[in-house]
């Protein structure tokens, strides 16, 4: 698994797909001698960092959208109260 291919392939994958990929790498690591798994281990670390960044982005996006919805509801409520 080349680093460039790994990074190109993971950009549009879901969290489930990324989790399955990480599990495959871990399975491969468990089957290898310690001298042979350095590249796979490095790929696993890169994949983990990517998953963390993607999760943080998704959490930030959800938080932002929630805040926008709350502000929209509050601003609509203020307009409605003034009309009465």
PDB file of N, CA and C in Angstrom:
ATOM      1  N   UNK A   1       0.845  -1.168   0.000  1.00  0.00           N
ATOM      2  CA  UNK A   1       0.000   0.000   0.000  1.00  0.00           C
ATOM      3  C   UNK A   1       0.897   1.240   0.000  1.00  0.00           C
ATOM      4  N   UNK A   2       0.875   1.977  -1.062  1.00  0.00           N
ATOM      5  CA  UNK A   2       1.698   3.176  -1.167  1.00  0.00           C
ATOM      6  C   UNK A   2       1.020   4.325  -0.444  1.00  0.00           C
ATOM      7  N   UNK A   3       1.847   5.242   0.122  1.00  0.00           N
ATOM      8  CA  UNK A   3       1.301   6.381   0.845  1.00  0.00           C
ATOM      9  C   UNK A   3       0.394   7.227  -0.038  1.00  0.00           C
ATOM     10  N   UNK A   4       0.849   7.527  -1.255  1.00  0.00           N
ATOM     11  CA  UNK A   4       0.064   8.366  -2.146  1.00  0.00           C
ATOM     12  C   UNK A   4      -1.261   7.693  -2.475  1.00  0.00           C
ATOM     13  N   UNK A   5      -1.229   6.392  -2.782  1.00  0.00           N
ATOM     14  CA  UNK A   5      -2.460   5.670  -3.071  1.00  0.00           C
ATOM     15  C   UNK A   5      -3.384   5.648  -1.864  1.00  0.00           C
ATOM     16  N   UNK A   6      -2.825   5.461  -0.695  1.00  0.00           N
ATOM     17  CA  UNK A   6      -3.618   5.436   0.527  1.00  0.00           C
ATOM     18  C   UNK A   6      -4.326   6.765   0.719  1.00  0.00           C
ATOM     19  N   UNK A   7      -3.602   7.854   0.587  1.00  0.00           N
ATOM     20  CA  UNK A   7      -4.200   9.165   0.785  1.00  0.00           C
ATOM     21  C   UNK A   7      -5.198   9.497  -0.307  1.00  0.00           C
ATOM     22  N   UNK A   8      -4.943   9.098  -1.543  1.00  0.00           N
ATOM     23  CA  UNK A   8      -5.891   9.355  -2.626  1.00  0.00           C
ATOM     24  C   UNK A   8      -7.175   8.558  -2.433  1.00  0.00           C
ATOM     25  N   UNK A   9      -7.039   7.344  -1.972  1.00  0.00           N
ATOM     26  CA  UNK A   9      -8.192   6.459  -1.848  1.00  0.00           C
ATOM     27  C   UNK A   9      -9.091   6.789  -0.660  1.00  0.00           C
ATOM     28  N   UNK A  10      -8.584   7.426   0.366  1.00  0.00           N
ATOM     29  CA  UNK A  10      -9.380   7.590   1.585  1.00  0.00           C
ATOM     30  C   UNK A  10     -10.169   8.888   1.635  1.00  0.00           C
ATOM     31  N   UNK A  11      -9.913   9.811   0.759  1.00  0.00           N
ATOM     32  CA  UNK A  11     -10.545  11.129   0.831  1.00  0.00           C
ATOM     33  C   UNK A  11     -12.069  11.059   0.874  1.00  0.00           C
ATOM     34  N   UNK A  12     -12.674  10.220   0.071  1.00  0.00           N
ATOM     35  CA  UNK A  12     -14.133  10.205  -0.045  1.00  0.00           C
ATOM     36  C   UNK A  12     -14.784   8.997   0.596  1.00  0.00           C
ATOM     37  N   UNK A  13     -14.045   8.276   1.427  1.00  0.00           N
ATOM     38  CA  UNK A  13     -14.600   7.087   2.062  1.00  0.00           C
ATOM     39  C   UNK A  13     -15.357   7.464   3.327  1.00  0.00           C
ATOM     40  N   UNK A  14     -16.330   6.627   3.664  1.00  0.00           N
ATOM     41  CA  UNK A  14     -17.100   6.828   4.884  1.00  0.00           C
ATOM     42  C   UNK A  14     -16.278   6.369   6.086  1.00  0.00           C
ATOM     43  N   UNK A  15     -16.770   6.698   7.281  1.00  0.00           N
ATOM     44  CA  UNK A  15     -16.092   6.254   8.493  1.00  0.00           C
ATOM     45  C   UNK A  15     -16.061   4.733   8.575  1.00  0.00           C
ATOM     46  N   UNK A  16     -17.124   4.069   8.128  1.00  0.00           N
ATOM     47  CA  UNK A  16     -17.149   2.607   8.142  1.00  0.00           C
ATOM     48  C   UNK A  16     -16.075   2.035   7.221  1.00  0.00           C
ATOM     49  N   UNK A  17     -15.935   2.609   6.034  1.00  0.00           N
ATOM     50  CA  UNK A  17     -14.908   2.144   5.102  1.00  0.00           C
ATOM     51  C   UNK A  17     -13.510   2.361   5.671  1.00  0.00           C
ATOM     52  N   UNK A  18     -13.309   3.518   6.295  1.00  0.00           N
ATOM     53  CA  UNK A  18     -12.007   3.822   6.895  1.00  0.00           C
ATOM     54  C   UNK A  18     -11.709   2.864   8.045  1.00  0.00           C
ATOM     55  N   UNK A  19     -12.730   2.545   8.830  1.00  0.00           N
ATOM     56  CA  UNK A  19     -12.570   1.607   9.934  1.00  0.00           C
ATOM     57  C   UNK A  19     -12.213   0.214   9.410  1.00  0.00           C
ATOM     58  N   UNK A  20     -12.874  -0.208   8.346  1.00  0.00           N
ATOM     59  CA  UNK A  20     -12.562  -1.509   7.748  1.00  0.00           C
ATOM     60  C   UNK A  20     -11.140  -1.542   7.213  1.00  0.00           C
ATOM     61  N   UNK A  21     -10.701  -0.451   6.599  1.00  0.00           N
ATOM     62  CA  UNK A  21      -9.334  -0.367   6.101  1.00  0.00           C
ATOM     63  C   UNK A  21      -8.331  -0.465   7.245  1.00  0.00           C
ATOM     64  N   UNK A  22      -8.608   0.238   8.340  1.00  0.00           N
ATOM     65  CA  UNK A  22      -7.725   0.174   9.505  1.00  0.00           C
ATOM     66  C   UNK A  22      -7.675  -1.250  10.061  1.00  0.00           C
ATOM     67  N   UNK A  23      -8.817  -1.909  10.119  1.00  0.00           N
ATOM     68  CA  UNK A  23      -8.846  -3.292  10.613  1.00  0.00           C
ATOM     69  C   UNK A  23      -8.048  -4.235   9.721  1.00  0.00           C
ATOM     70  N   UNK A  24      -8.107  -4.030   8.397  1.00  0.00           N
ATOM     71  CA  UNK A  24      -7.320  -4.858   7.480  1.00  0.00           C
ATOM     72  C   UNK A  24      -5.822  -4.652   7.717  1.00  0.00           C
ATOM     73  N   UNK A  25      -5.431  -3.401   7.912  1.00  0.00           N
ATOM     74  CA  UNK A  25      -4.016  -3.113   8.168  1.00  0.00           C
ATOM     75  C   UNK A  25      -3.583  -3.773   9.472  1.00  0.00           C
ATOM     76  N   UNK A  26      -4.419  -3.690  10.496  1.00  0.00           N
ATOM     77  CA  UNK A  26      -4.090  -4.304  11.788  1.00  0.00           C
ATOM     78  C   UNK A  26      -3.968  -5.817  11.639  1.00  0.00           C
ATOM     79  N   UNK A  27      -4.895  -6.428  10.893  1.00  0.00           N
ATOM     80  CA  UNK A  27      -4.812  -7.878  10.660  1.00  0.00           C
ATOM     81  C   UNK A  27      -3.503  -8.244   9.970  1.00  0.00           C
ATOM     82  N   UNK A  28      -3.113  -7.432   8.977  1.00  0.00           N
ATOM     83  CA  UNK A  28      -1.848  -7.687   8.280  1.00  0.00           C
ATOM     84  C   UNK A  28      -0.658  -7.527   9.224  1.00  0.00           C
ATOM     85  N   UNK A  29      -0.717  -6.554  10.099  1.00  0.00           N
ATOM     86  CA  UNK A  29       0.377  -6.333  11.051  1.00  0.00           C
ATOM     87  C   UNK A  29       0.533  -7.511  11.995  1.00  0.00           C
ATOM     88  N   UNK A  30      -0.577  -8.084  12.418  1.00  0.00           N
ATOM     89  CA  UNK A  30      -0.527  -9.207  13.360  1.00  0.00           C
ATOM     90  C   UNK A  30       0.082 -10.456  12.733  1.00  0.00           C
ATOM     91  N   UNK A  31       0.017 -10.557  11.415  1.00  0.00           N
ATOM     92  CA  UNK A  31       0.530 -11.741  10.724  1.00  0.00           C
ATOM     93  C   UNK A  31       2.007 -11.622  10.351  1.00  0.00           C
ATOM     94  N   UNK A  32       2.580 -10.448  10.446  1.00  0.00           N
ATOM     95  CA  UNK A  32       3.943 -10.216   9.968  1.00  0.00           C
ATOM     96  C   UNK A  32       4.959 -10.240  11.104  1.00  0.00           C
ATOM     97  N   UNK A  33       6.195 -10.439  10.710  1.00  0.00           N
ATOM     98  CA  UNK A  33       7.299 -10.282  11.652  1.00  0.00           C
ATOM     99  C   UNK A  33       7.501  -8.799  11.912  1.00  0.00           C
ATOM    100  N   UNK A  34       8.112  -8.486  13.041  1.00  0.00           N
ATOM    101  CA  UNK A  34       8.290  -7.088  13.422  1.00  0.00           C
ATOM    102  C   UNK A  34       9.109  -6.312  12.386  1.00  0.00           C
ATOM    103  N   UNK A  35      10.025  -6.976  11.720  1.00  0.00           N
ATOM    104  CA  UNK A  35      10.860  -6.294  10.731  1.00  0.00           C
ATOM    105  C   UNK A  35      10.071  -5.946   9.472  1.00  0.00           C
ATOM    106  N   UNK A  36       9.009  -6.660   9.205  1.00  0.00           N
ATOM    107  CA  UNK A  36       8.279  -6.504   7.952  1.00  0.00           C
ATOM    108  C   UNK A  36       7.102  -5.522   8.032  1.00  0.00           C
ATOM    109  N   UNK A  37       6.710  -5.086   9.201  1.00  0.00           N
ATOM    110  CA  UNK A  37       5.468  -4.327   9.247  1.00  0.00           C
ATOM    111  C   UNK A  37       5.631  -2.825   9.416  1.00  0.00           C
ATOM    112  N   UNK A  38       6.805  -2.289   9.278  1.00  0.00           N
ATOM    113  CA  UNK A  38       7.036  -0.859   9.476  1.00  0.00           C
ATOM    114  C   UNK A  38       6.184  -0.020   8.526  1.00  0.00           C
ATOM    115  N   UNK A  39       6.156  -0.392   7.250  1.00  0.00           N
ATOM    116  CA  UNK A  39       5.385   0.392   6.270  1.00  0.00           C
ATOM    117  C   UNK A  39       3.889   0.347   6.577  1.00  0.00           C
ATOM    118  N   UNK A  40       3.372  -0.835   6.892  1.00  0.00           N
ATOM    119  CA  UNK A  40       1.950  -0.939   7.228  1.00  0.00           C
ATOM    120  C   UNK A  40       1.626  -0.158   8.503  1.00  0.00           C
ATOM    121  N   UNK A  41       2.508  -0.187   9.467  1.00  0.00           N
ATOM    122  CA  UNK A  41       2.287   0.544  10.707  1.00  0.00           C
ATOM    123  C   UNK A  41       2.262   2.048  10.442  1.00  0.00           C
ATOM    124  N   UNK A  42       3.158   2.521   9.598  1.00  0.00           N
ATOM    125  CA  UNK A  42       3.170   3.941   9.246  1.00  0.00           C
ATOM    126  C   UNK A  42       1.879   4.322   8.509  1.00  0.00           C
ATOM    127  N   UNK A  43       1.405   3.455   7.635  1.00  0.00           N
ATOM    128  CA  UNK A  43       0.137   3.711   6.953  1.00  0.00           C
ATOM    129  C   UNK A  43      -1.025   3.750   7.938  1.00  0.00           C
ATOM    130  N   UNK A  44      -0.988   2.872   8.918  1.00  0.00           N
ATOM    131  CA  UNK A  44      -2.036   2.859   9.940  1.00  0.00           C
ATOM    132  C   UNK A  44      -2.037   4.164  10.731  1.00  0.00           C
ATOM    133  N   UNK A  45      -0.876   4.668  11.065  1.00  0.00           N
ATOM    134  CA  UNK A  45      -0.780   5.941  11.788  1.00  0.00           C
ATOM    135  C   UNK A  45      -1.336   7.079  10.927  1.00  0.00           C
ATOM    136  N   UNK A  46      -0.977   7.101   9.642  1.00  0.00           N
ATOM    137  CA  UNK A  46      -1.490   8.137   8.741  1.00  0.00           C
ATOM    138  C   UNK A  46      -3.002   8.044   8.607  1.00  0.00           C
ATOM    139  N   UNK A  47      -3.511   6.827   8.496  1.00  0.00           N
ATOM    140  CA  UNK A  47      -4.950   6.616   8.400  1.00  0.00           C
ATOM    141  C   UNK A  47      -5.645   7.099   9.666  1.00  0.00           C
ATOM    142  N   UNK A  48      -5.066   6.800  10.813  1.00  0.00           N
ATOM    143  CA  UNK A  48      -5.633   7.243  12.080  1.00  0.00           C
ATOM    144  C   UNK A  48      -5.691   8.764  12.159  1.00  0.00           C
ATOM    145  N   UNK A  49      -4.637   9.431  11.745  1.00  0.00           N
ATOM    146  CA  UNK A  49      -4.621  10.896  11.749  1.00  0.00           C
ATOM    147  C   UNK A  49      -5.686  11.452  10.815  1.00  0.00           C
ATOM    148  N   UNK A  50      -5.833  10.822   9.645  1.00  0.00           N
ATOM    149  CA  UNK A  50      -6.845  11.274   8.702  1.00  0.00           C
ATOM    150  C   UNK A  50      -8.242  11.108   9.283  1.00  0.00           C
ATOM    151  N   UNK A  51      -8.507   9.970   9.914  1.00  0.00           N
ATOM    152  CA  UNK A  51      -9.813   9.723  10.528  1.00  0.00           C
ATOM    153  C   UNK A  51     -10.084  10.755  11.613  1.00  0.00           C
ATOM    154  N   UNK A  52      -9.090  11.063  12.440  1.00  0.00           N
ATOM    155  CA  UNK A  52      -9.256  12.067  13.490  1.00  0.00           C
ATOM    156  C   UNK A  52      -9.611  13.425  12.892  1.00  0.00           C
ATOM    157  N   UNK A  53      -8.905  13.834  11.839  1.00  0.00           N
ATOM    158  CA  UNK A  53      -9.179  15.124  11.204  1.00  0.00           C
ATOM    159  C   UNK A  53     -10.574  15.141  10.581  1.00  0.00           C
ATOM    160  N   UNK A  54     -10.940  14.034   9.936  1.00  0.00           N
ATOM    161  CA  UNK A  54     -12.267  13.961   9.319  1.00  0.00           C
ATOM    162  C   UNK A  54     -13.354  14.015  10.392  1.00  0.00           C
ATOM    163  N   UNK A  55     -13.146  13.330  11.492  1.00  0.00           N
ATOM    164  CA  UNK A  55     -14.111  13.346  12.588  1.00  0.00           C
ATOM    165  C   UNK A  55     -14.228  14.749  13.168  1.00  0.00           C
ATOM    166  N   UNK A  56     -13.093  15.430  13.388  1.00  0.00           N
ATOM    167  CA  UNK A  56     -13.125  16.791  13.921  1.00  0.00           C
ATOM    168  C   UNK A  56     -13.845  17.732  12.965  1.00  0.00           C
ATOM    169  N   UNK A  57     -13.607  17.583  11.671  1.00  0.00           N
ATOM    170  CA  UNK A  57     -14.280  18.425  10.684  1.00  0.00           C
ATOM    171  C   UNK A  57     -15.784  18.183  10.724  1.00  0.00           C
ATOM    172  N   UNK A  58     -16.186  16.911  10.744  1.00  0.00           N
ATOM    173  CA  UNK A  58     -17.613  16.579  10.781  1.00  0.00           C
ATOM    174  C   UNK A  58     -18.267  17.103  12.055  1.00  0.00           C
ATOM    175  N   UNK A  59     -17.576  16.975  13.181  1.00  0.00           N
ATOM    176  CA  UNK A  59     -18.114  17.470  14.447  1.00  0.00           C
ATOM    177  C   UNK A  59     -18.259  18.991  14.404  1.00  0.00           C
ATOM    178  N   UNK A  60     -17.275  19.677  13.848  1.00  0.00           N
ATOM    179  CA  UNK A  60     -17.331  21.129  13.727  1.00  0.00           C
ATOM    180  C   UNK A  60     -18.473  21.543  12.791  1.00  0.00           C
ATOM    181  N   UNK A  61     -18.640  20.816  11.695  1.00  0.00           N
ATOM    182  CA  UNK A  61     -19.705  21.106  10.743  1.00  0.00           C
ATOM    183  C   UNK A  61     -21.075  20.934  11.397  1.00  0.00           C
ATOM    184  N   UNK A  62     -21.244  19.851  12.135  1.00  0.00           N
ATOM    185  CA  UNK A  62     -22.517  19.600  12.829  1.00  0.00           C
ATOM    186  C   UNK A  62     -22.773  20.689  13.863  1.00  0.00           C
ATOM    187  N   UNK A  63     -21.753  21.056  14.606  1.00  0.00           N
ATOM    188  CA  UNK A  63     -21.888  22.097  15.617  1.00  0.00           C
ATOM    189  C   UNK A  63     -22.275  23.432  14.981  1.00  0.00           C
ATOM    190  N   UNK A  64     -21.640  23.766  13.884  1.00  0.00           N
ATOM    191  CA  UNK A  64     -21.927  25.023  13.190  1.00  0.00           C
ATOM    192  C   UNK A  64     -23.363  25.037  12.684  1.00  0.00           C
ATOM    193  N   UNK A  65     -23.788  23.946  12.055  1.00  0.00           N
ATOM    194  CA  UNK A  65     -25.154  23.867  11.538  1.00  0.00           C
ATOM    195  C   UNK A  65     -26.177  23.930  12.670  1.00  0.00           C
ATOM    196  N   UNK A  66     -25.886  23.267  13.786  1.00  0.00           N
ATOM    197  CA  UNK A  66     -26.788  23.295  14.931  1.00  0.00           C
ATOM    198  C   UNK A  66     -26.906  24.703  15.484  1.00  0.00           C
ATOM    199  N   UNK A  67     -25.775  25.389  15.601  1.00  0.00           N
ATOM    200  CA  UNK A  67     -25.779  26.756  16.098  1.00  0.00           C
ATOM    201  C   UNK A  67     -26.572  27.671  15.171  1.00  0.00           C
ATOM    202  N   UNK A  68     -26.418  27.488  13.865  1.00  0.00           N
ATOM    203  CA  UNK A  68     -27.177  28.283  12.897  1.00  0.00           C
ATOM    204  C   UNK A  68     -28.673  28.035  13.039  1.00  0.00           C
ATOM    205  N   UNK A  69     -29.057  26.777  13.211  1.00  0.00           N
ATOM    206  CA  UNK A  69     -30.476  26.441  13.364  1.00  0.00           C
ATOM    207  C   UNK A  69     -31.038  27.048  14.646  1.00  0.00           C
ATOM    208  N   UNK A  70     -30.275  26.979  15.726  1.00  0.00           N
ATOM    209  CA  UNK A  70     -30.725  27.555  16.999  1.00  0.00           C
ATOM    210  C   UNK A  70     -30.893  29.058  16.859  1.00  0.00           C
ATOM    211  N   UNK A  71     -29.917  29.727  16.245  1.00  0.00           N
ATOM    212  CA  UNK A  71     -30.022  31.172  16.046  1.00  0.00           C
ATOM    213  C   UNK A  71     -31.207  31.523  15.157  1.00  0.00           C
ATOM    214  N   UNK A  72     -31.464  30.714  14.141  1.00  0.00           N
ATOM    215  CA  UNK A  72     -32.605  30.939  13.257  1.00  0.00           C
ATOM    216  C   UNK A  72     -33.913  30.805  14.027  1.00  0.00           C
ATOM    217  N   UNK A  73     -33.999  29.782  14.858  1.00  0.00           N
ATOM    218  CA  UNK A  73     -35.210  29.573  15.660  1.00  0.00           C
ATOM    219  C   UNK A  73     -35.395  30.715  16.643  1.00  0.00           C
ATOM    220  N   UNK A  74     -34.304  31.121  17.295  1.00  0.00           N
ATOM    221  CA  UNK A  74     -34.402  32.219  18.259  1.00  0.00           C
ATOM    222  C   UNK A  74     -34.779  33.527  17.577  1.00  0.00           C
ATOM    223  N   UNK A  75     -34.195  33.800  16.422  1.00  0.00           N
ATOM    224  CA  UNK A  75     -34.518  35.044  15.730  1.00  0.00           C
ATOM    225  C   UNK A  75     -35.949  35.026  15.209  1.00  0.00           C
ATOM    226  N   UNK A  76     -36.451  33.885  14.770  1.00  0.00           N
ATOM    227  CA  UNK A  76     -37.848  33.778  14.342  1.00  0.00           C
ATOM    228  C   UNK A  76     -38.785  33.946  15.529  1.00  0.00           C
ATOM    229  N   UNK A  77     -38.381  33.452  16.677  1.00  0.00           N
ATOM    230  CA  UNK A  77     -39.195  33.603  17.883  1.00  0.00           C
ATOM    231  C   UNK A  77     -39.289  35.056  18.317  1.00  0.00           C
ATOM    232  N   UNK A  78     -38.205  35.804  18.205  1.00  0.00           N
ATOM    233  CA  UNK A  78     -38.221  37.211  18.555  1.00  0.00           C
ATOM    234  C   UNK A  78     -39.119  38.000  17.616  1.00  0.00           C
ATOM    235  N   UNK A  79     -39.094  37.686  16.335  1.00  0.00           N
ATOM    236  CA  UNK A  79     -39.952  38.373  15.366  1.00  0.00           C
ATOM    237  C   UNK A  79     -41.401  38.080  15.660  1.00  0.00           C
ATOM    238  N   UNK A  80     -41.692  36.846  16.012  1.00  0.00           N
ATOM    239  CA  UNK A  80     -43.078  36.462  16.304  1.00  0.00           C
ATOM    240  C   UNK A  80     -43.573  37.174  17.551  1.00  0.00           C
ATOM    241  N   UNK A  81     -42.771  37.291  18.587  1.00  0.00           N
ATOM    242  CA  UNK A  81     -43.172  37.956  19.819  1.00  0.00           C
ATOM    243  C   UNK A  81     -43.450  39.432  19.581  1.00  0.00           C
ATOM    244  N   UNK A  82     -42.691  40.089  18.721  1.00  0.00           N
ATOM    245  CA  UNK A  82     -42.889  41.498  18.438  1.00  0.00           C
ATOM    246  C   UNK A  82     -44.189  41.737  17.695  1.00  0.00           C
ATOM    247  N   UNK A  83     -44.610  40.774  16.903  1.00  0.00           N
ATOM    248  CA  UNK A  83     -45.836  40.938  16.127  1.00  0.00           C
ATOM    249  C   UNK A  83     -47.087  40.888  16.993  1.00  0.00           C
ATOM    250  N   UNK A  84     -46.990  40.320  18.174  1.00  0.00           N
ATOM    251  CA  UNK A  84     -48.167  40.205  19.029  1.00  0.00           C
ATOM    252  C   UNK A  84     -48.389  41.444  19.779  1.00  0.00           C
TER     253      UNK A  84
END
